[in-house]
């Protein structure tokens, strides 16, 4: 279950980074 949480967190972090890039643009 820990691995699943890490994977989910990683995806959420990537999504947040993409949103930040969009805000910068």
PDB file of N, CA and C in Angstrom:
ATOM      1  N   UNK A   1       0.840  -1.199   0.000  1.00  0.00           N
ATOM      2  CA  UNK A   1       0.000   0.000   0.000  1.00  0.00           C
ATOM      3  C   UNK A   1       0.880   1.256   0.000  1.00  0.00           C
ATOM      4  N   UNK A   2       2.008   1.179   0.693  1.00  0.00           N
ATOM      5  CA  UNK A   2       2.907   2.356   0.730  1.00  0.00           C
ATOM      6  C   UNK A   2       3.357   2.712  -0.689  1.00  0.00           C
ATOM      7  N   UNK A   3       3.696   1.703  -1.475  1.00  0.00           N
ATOM      8  CA  UNK A   3       4.144   1.980  -2.851  1.00  0.00           C
ATOM      9  C   UNK A   3       3.043   2.687  -3.638  1.00  0.00           C
ATOM     10  N   UNK A   4       1.791   2.233  -3.437  1.00  0.00           N
ATOM     11  CA  UNK A   4       0.666   2.857  -4.143  1.00  0.00           C
ATOM     12  C   UNK A   4       0.531   4.324  -3.751  1.00  0.00           C
ATOM     13  N   UNK A   5       0.689   4.593  -2.454  1.00  0.00           N
ATOM     14  CA  UNK A   5       0.561   5.987  -1.998  1.00  0.00           C
ATOM     15  C   UNK A   5       1.670   6.822  -2.624  1.00  0.00           C
ATOM     16  N   UNK A   6       2.880   6.261  -2.672  1.00  0.00           N
ATOM     17  CA  UNK A   6       4.012   7.009  -3.244  1.00  0.00           C
ATOM     18  C   UNK A   6       3.726   7.295  -4.722  1.00  0.00           C
ATOM     19  N   UNK A   7       3.222   6.289  -5.429  1.00  0.00           N
ATOM     20  CA  UNK A   7       2.931   6.467  -6.855  1.00  0.00           C
ATOM     21  C   UNK A   7       1.877   7.562  -7.038  1.00  0.00           C
ATOM     22  N   UNK A   8       0.836   7.496  -6.221  1.00  0.00           N
ATOM     23  CA  UNK A   8      -0.230   8.493  -6.327  1.00  0.00           C
ATOM     24  C   UNK A   8       0.332   9.880  -6.028  1.00  0.00           C
ATOM     25  N   UNK A   9       1.167   9.954  -4.993  1.00  0.00           N
ATOM     26  CA  UNK A   9       1.743  11.252  -4.625  1.00  0.00           C
ATOM     27  C   UNK A   9       2.605  11.765  -5.780  1.00  0.00           C
ATOM     28  N   UNK A  10       3.383  10.903  -6.381  1.00  0.00           N
ATOM     29  CA  UNK A  10       4.247  11.308  -7.491  1.00  0.00           C
ATOM     30  C   UNK A  10       3.419  11.878  -8.627  1.00  0.00           C
ATOM     31  N   UNK A  11       2.305  11.228  -8.948  1.00  0.00           N
ATOM     32  CA  UNK A  11       1.446  11.723 -10.020  1.00  0.00           C
ATOM     33  C   UNK A  11       0.868  13.087  -9.644  1.00  0.00           C
ATOM     34  N   UNK A  12       0.461  13.226  -8.382  1.00  0.00           N
ATOM     35  CA  UNK A  12      -0.114  14.502  -7.951  1.00  0.00           C
ATOM     36  C   UNK A  12       0.941  15.603  -8.064  1.00  0.00           C
ATOM     37  N   UNK A  13       2.180  15.288  -7.679  1.00  0.00           N
ATOM     38  CA  UNK A  13       3.250  16.289  -7.739  1.00  0.00           C
ATOM     39  C   UNK A  13       3.464  16.697  -9.201  1.00  0.00           C
ATOM     40  N   UNK A  14       3.499  15.724 -10.100  1.00  0.00           N
ATOM     41  CA  UNK A  14       3.705  16.029 -11.522  1.00  0.00           C
ATOM     42  C   UNK A  14       2.581  16.921 -12.032  1.00  0.00           C
ATOM     43  N   UNK A  15       1.352  16.608 -11.648  1.00  0.00           N
ATOM     44  CA  UNK A  15       0.199  17.405 -12.097  1.00  0.00           C
ATOM     45  C   UNK A  15       0.353  18.840 -11.584  1.00  0.00           C
ATOM     46  N   UNK A  16       0.785  18.970 -10.312  1.00  0.00           N
ATOM     47  CA  UNK A  16       0.940  20.314  -9.746  1.00  0.00           C
ATOM     48  C   UNK A  16       2.011  21.077 -10.528  1.00  0.00           C
ATOM     49  N   UNK A  17       3.102  20.394 -10.885  1.00  0.00           N
ATOM     50  CA  UNK A  17       4.167  21.056 -11.630  1.00  0.00           C
ATOM     51  C   UNK A  17       3.642  21.533 -12.984  1.00  0.00           C
ATOM     52  N   UNK A  18       2.841  20.702 -13.645  1.00  0.00           N
ATOM     53  CA  UNK A  18       2.282  21.086 -14.950  1.00  0.00           C
ATOM     54  C   UNK A  18       1.397  22.328 -14.782  1.00  0.00           C
ATOM     55  N   UNK A  19       0.594  22.346 -13.716  1.00  0.00           N
ATOM     56  CA  UNK A  19      -0.294  23.500 -13.492  1.00  0.00           C
ATOM     57  C   UNK A  19       0.551  24.744 -13.257  1.00  0.00           C
ATOM     58  N   UNK A  20       1.670  24.595 -12.516  1.00  0.00           N
ATOM     59  CA  UNK A  20       2.542  25.744 -12.254  1.00  0.00           C
ATOM     60  C   UNK A  20       3.101  26.270 -13.577  1.00  0.00           C
ATOM     61  N   UNK A  21       3.490  25.361 -14.482  1.00  0.00           N
ATOM     62  CA  UNK A  21       4.040  25.793 -15.770  1.00  0.00           C
ATOM     63  C   UNK A  21       2.981  26.571 -16.546  1.00  0.00           C
ATOM     64  N   UNK A  22       1.746  26.092 -16.506  1.00  0.00           N
ATOM     65  CA  UNK A  22       0.670  26.772 -17.233  1.00  0.00           C
ATOM     66  C   UNK A  22       0.473  28.177 -16.663  1.00  0.00           C
ATOM     67  N   UNK A  23       0.564  28.295 -15.330  1.00  0.00           N
ATOM     68  CA  UNK A  23       0.380  29.620 -14.718  1.00  0.00           C
ATOM     69  C   UNK A  23       1.519  30.541 -15.135  1.00  0.00           C
ATOM     70  N   UNK A  24       2.729  29.977 -15.242  1.00  0.00           N
ATOM     71  CA  UNK A  24       3.878  30.804 -15.636  1.00  0.00           C
ATOM     72  C   UNK A  24       3.656  31.307 -17.065  1.00  0.00           C
ATOM     73  N   UNK A  25       3.190  30.406 -17.947  1.00  0.00           N
ATOM     74  CA  UNK A  25       2.942  30.803 -19.336  1.00  0.00           C
ATOM     75  C   UNK A  25       1.745  31.748 -19.369  1.00  0.00           C
TER      76      UNK A  25
END
